[in-house]
N, C-alpha and C. Protein backbone atom coordinates (compact mmCIF):
# COMPACT_ATOMS: atom_id res chain seq x y z
N MET A 1 0.77 -1.18 -0.05
CA MET A 1 -0.04 0.05 -0.01
C MET A 1 0.70 1.22 0.09
N LYS A 2 1.97 1.22 0.80
CA LYS A 2 2.72 2.36 0.90
C LYS A 2 3.33 2.64 -0.80
N ASN A 3 3.56 1.72 -1.45
CA ASN A 3 4.31 2.06 -2.58
C ASN A 3 3.32 2.54 -3.62
N ASP A 4 1.95 2.37 -3.58
CA ASP A 4 1.16 2.81 -4.73
C ASP A 4 0.59 4.24 -4.31
N ALA A 5 0.80 4.82 -3.06
CA ALA A 5 0.29 6.27 -2.77
C ALA A 5 0.71 6.69 -1.29
N PRO A 6 0.99 7.87 -1.21
CA PRO A 6 1.50 8.21 0.27
C PRO A 6 0.07 7.85 1.32
N ILE A 7 0.63 7.33 2.52
CA ILE A 7 -0.53 6.98 3.32
C ILE A 7 -0.11 8.04 4.35
N HIS A 8 -1.21 8.55 4.75
CA HIS A 8 -1.23 10.01 5.93
C HIS A 8 -1.48 9.24 7.26
N TYR A 9 -1.15 7.78 7.39
CA TYR A 9 -1.55 7.48 8.84
C TYR A 9 0.03 6.63 9.29
N SER A 10 -0.06 6.44 10.47
CA SER A 10 1.33 5.97 10.98
C SER A 10 1.28 4.48 10.62
N ARG A 11 2.53 3.95 10.62
CA ARG A 11 2.78 2.41 10.65
C ARG A 11 2.09 1.86 11.59
N GLN A 12 1.79 2.24 12.77
CA GLN A 12 1.21 1.45 13.86
C GLN A 12 -0.34 1.51 13.56
N TYR A 13 -0.92 2.65 13.00
CA TYR A 13 -2.17 2.46 12.81
C TYR A 13 -2.55 1.59 11.81
N VAL A 14 -1.82 1.53 10.58
CA VAL A 14 -2.03 0.66 9.54
C VAL A 14 -1.81 -0.70 9.94
N HIS A 15 -0.85 -0.97 10.65
CA HIS A 15 -0.68 -2.48 11.22
C HIS A 15 -1.93 -2.83 12.14
N LYS A 16 -2.22 -1.92 12.85
CA LYS A 16 -3.41 -2.19 13.83
C LYS A 16 -4.77 -2.65 12.91
N ARG A 17 -5.11 -1.76 11.92
CA ARG A 17 -6.07 -1.91 10.83
C ARG A 17 -6.14 -3.33 10.05
N CYS A 18 -4.86 -3.47 9.57
CA CYS A 18 -4.47 -4.83 8.90
C CYS A 18 -4.56 -6.00 9.71
N LYS A 19 -4.24 -5.83 10.97
CA LYS A 19 -4.23 -7.00 11.97
C LYS A 19 -5.72 -7.36 12.00
N LYS A 20 -6.75 -6.49 12.15
CA LYS A 20 -8.19 -6.56 12.19
C LYS A 20 -8.65 -7.38 11.14
N LEU A 21 -8.16 -6.62 9.83
CA LEU A 21 -8.64 -7.43 8.59
C LEU A 21 -8.20 -9.05 8.47
N ALA A 22 -7.03 -9.05 8.94
CA ALA A 22 -6.29 -10.52 9.05
C ALA A 22 -7.26 -11.37 9.81
N GLU A 23 -7.84 -10.82 11.27
CA GLU A 23 -8.52 -11.60 12.06
C GLU A 23 -10.09 -12.03 11.41
N GLU A 24 -10.33 -10.89 10.39
CA GLU A 24 -11.53 -11.37 9.69
C GLU A 24 -11.53 -12.20 8.57
N GLY A 25 -10.07 -12.56 8.00
CA GLY A 25 -9.81 -13.23 7.06
C GLY A 25 -9.95 -12.61 5.71
N LEU A 26 -9.95 -11.26 5.74
CA LEU A 26 -9.83 -10.40 4.42
C LEU A 26 -8.39 -10.16 4.00
N VAL A 27 -7.52 -10.15 4.97
CA VAL A 27 -6.11 -10.24 4.25
C VAL A 27 -5.46 -11.34 5.04
N LYS A 28 -4.09 -11.52 4.54
CA LYS A 28 -3.39 -12.64 5.25
C LYS A 28 -1.92 -12.14 5.53
N HIS A 29 -1.63 -12.20 6.93
CA HIS A 29 -0.36 -11.85 7.52
C HIS A 29 0.89 -12.69 6.97
N LEU A 30 2.00 -12.07 6.07
CA LEU A 30 2.98 -12.80 5.80
C LEU A 30 4.28 -12.74 6.76
N GLY A 31 4.03 -11.64 7.57
CA GLY A 31 5.28 -11.30 8.54
C GLY A 31 6.01 -10.33 8.00
N ASN A 32 6.85 -9.61 8.75
CA ASN A 32 7.48 -8.50 8.51
C ASN A 32 6.57 -7.29 7.89
N GLY A 33 5.43 -7.17 8.58
CA GLY A 33 4.73 -6.08 8.18
C GLY A 33 4.15 -6.24 6.60
N VAL A 34 4.13 -7.66 5.90
CA VAL A 34 3.67 -7.88 4.66
C VAL A 34 2.08 -8.49 4.97
N TYR A 35 1.12 -7.90 4.06
CA TYR A 35 -0.11 -8.46 4.04
C TYR A 35 -0.47 -8.72 2.73
N ILE A 36 -1.28 -9.86 2.32
CA ILE A 36 -1.79 -10.11 0.98
C ILE A 36 -3.26 -10.17 1.14
N ILE A 37 -4.05 -9.67 0.03
CA ILE A 37 -5.49 -9.89 0.19
C ILE A 37 -5.85 -11.20 0.00
N THR A 38 -6.96 -11.90 0.63
CA THR A 38 -7.31 -13.07 0.54
C THR A 38 -8.59 -13.05 -0.48
N GLU A 39 -9.02 -14.14 -0.76
CA GLU A 39 -10.51 -14.30 -1.81
C GLU A 39 -11.48 -13.78 -1.17
N ASP A 40 -11.46 -13.94 0.01
CA ASP A 40 -12.81 -13.40 0.70
C ASP A 40 -12.62 -11.76 0.65
N GLY A 41 -11.33 -11.24 0.96
CA GLY A 41 -11.08 -9.62 0.80
C GLY A 41 -11.36 -9.32 -0.69
N GLU A 42 -11.14 -10.04 -1.47
CA GLU A 42 -11.31 -9.66 -3.06
C GLU A 42 -12.76 -9.64 -3.17
N ALA A 43 -13.73 -10.75 -2.62
CA ALA A 43 -15.20 -10.68 -2.83
C ALA A 43 -15.59 -9.50 -2.20
N TYR A 44 -15.06 -9.17 -0.90
CA TYR A 44 -15.58 -8.01 -0.25
C TYR A 44 -15.44 -6.77 -1.09
N LEU A 45 -14.29 -6.67 -1.45
CA LEU A 45 -14.05 -5.26 -2.34
C LEU A 45 -14.90 -5.30 -3.54
N ASP A 46 -15.28 -6.35 -3.99
CA ASP A 46 -16.28 -6.57 -5.26
C ASP A 46 -17.82 -6.35 -4.76
N GLY A 47 -17.98 -6.44 -3.63
CA GLY A 47 -19.33 -6.45 -3.11
C GLY A 47 -20.06 -7.62 -3.20
N LYS A 48 -19.31 -8.78 -3.28
CA LYS A 48 -19.65 -10.23 -3.16
C LYS A 48 -19.67 -10.90 -2.04
N LEU A 49 -19.43 -10.25 -0.91
CA LEU A 49 -19.28 -10.94 0.39
C LEU A 49 -20.15 -10.40 1.47
N ASP A 50 -21.26 -11.01 2.05
CA ASP A 50 -22.11 -10.29 3.16
C ASP A 50 -21.29 -10.78 4.44
N THR A 51 -20.83 -9.62 4.72
CA THR A 51 -20.06 -10.09 6.23
C THR A 51 -20.82 -10.05 7.44
N GLN A 52 -22.15 -10.08 7.36
CA GLN A 52 -23.00 -10.30 8.57
C GLN A 52 -23.22 -11.66 8.53
N ASN A 53 -23.25 -12.44 7.40
CA ASN A 53 -23.53 -13.96 7.55
C ASN A 53 -22.32 -14.82 6.86
N TRP A 54 -21.31 -14.02 6.59
CA TRP A 54 -19.98 -14.29 5.79
C TRP A 54 -20.34 -15.53 4.77
N VAL A 55 -21.01 -15.10 4.10
CA VAL A 55 -21.58 -15.75 2.62
C VAL A 55 -21.10 -14.96 1.49
N ARG A 56 -20.80 -15.58 0.22
CA ARG A 56 -20.54 -15.11 -0.99
C ARG A 56 -21.87 -14.70 -1.65
N VAL A 57 -22.25 -13.70 -2.19
CA VAL A 57 -23.45 -13.15 -2.80
C VAL A 57 -23.04 -12.74 -4.35
N ASP A 58 -24.25 -12.86 -4.82
CA ASP A 58 -24.02 -12.45 -6.37
C ASP A 58 -24.40 -11.00 -6.69
N GLU A 59 -24.44 -10.51 -7.69
CA GLU A 59 -24.60 -8.97 -7.92
C GLU A 59 -25.99 -8.53 -7.54
N ASN A 60 -26.83 -9.35 -7.15
CA ASN A 60 -28.17 -9.06 -6.77
C ASN A 60 -28.28 -9.20 -5.15
N GLY A 61 -27.32 -9.68 -4.57
CA GLY A 61 -27.39 -9.78 -3.11
C GLY A 61 -27.73 -11.07 -2.76
N ASN A 62 -28.19 -12.16 -3.87
CA ASN A 62 -28.42 -13.47 -3.44
C ASN A 62 -27.09 -14.37 -2.89
N GLU A 63 -27.27 -15.23 -2.05
CA GLU A 63 -26.36 -16.05 -1.89
C GLU A 63 -25.97 -16.84 -3.07
N SER A 64 -24.60 -16.88 -3.27
CA SER A 64 -23.95 -17.71 -4.47
C SER A 64 -24.15 -19.14 -4.00
N VAL A 65 -24.32 -19.95 -5.29
CA VAL A 65 -24.54 -21.38 -5.34
C VAL A 65 -22.96 -21.73 -4.79
N GLY A 66 -22.94 -22.63 -3.77
CA GLY A 66 -21.66 -23.12 -3.34
C GLY A 66 -20.31 -21.99 -2.87
N GLY A 67 -20.90 -20.95 -2.65
CA GLY A 67 -19.93 -19.65 -2.64
C GLY A 67 -19.93 -19.15 -0.96
N THR A 68 -19.72 -20.07 -0.06
CA THR A 68 -19.81 -19.65 1.29
C THR A 68 -18.24 -19.53 1.53
N SER A 69 -18.09 -18.34 2.47
CA SER A 69 -16.70 -17.91 2.81
C SER A 69 -16.16 -18.95 3.87
N GLU A 70 -14.88 -18.91 4.09
CA GLU A 70 -14.43 -19.83 5.06
C GLU A 70 -14.48 -19.37 6.55
N LYS A 71 -14.78 -18.19 6.80
CA LYS A 71 -15.14 -17.40 7.99
C LYS A 71 -16.10 -18.33 8.92
N GLN A 72 -15.75 -18.76 10.00
CA GLN A 72 -16.41 -19.43 10.77
C GLN A 72 -16.82 -18.69 12.11
N GLU A 73 -17.98 -18.66 12.66
CA GLU A 73 -18.29 -17.88 13.90
C GLU A 73 -17.97 -18.60 15.10
N GLY A 74 -17.37 -17.93 16.10
CA GLY A 74 -17.05 -18.74 17.31
C GLY A 74 -17.81 -18.76 18.44
């Protein structure tokens, strides 16, 4: 993210937010401050992940066939 555009937040703030996204399964922490987006993260950005129920949805907001997220409620 830092290479794409200037970020006007501290490294600690960005790390805290990325850590929360990782806990939700939207990014994966690779170590040394490096994160990659997951399939669920891509689906969320595309508007195809219902984060209330953690299921994939189509463009009409209907649950996708066989498209459930790996996120499990605890």
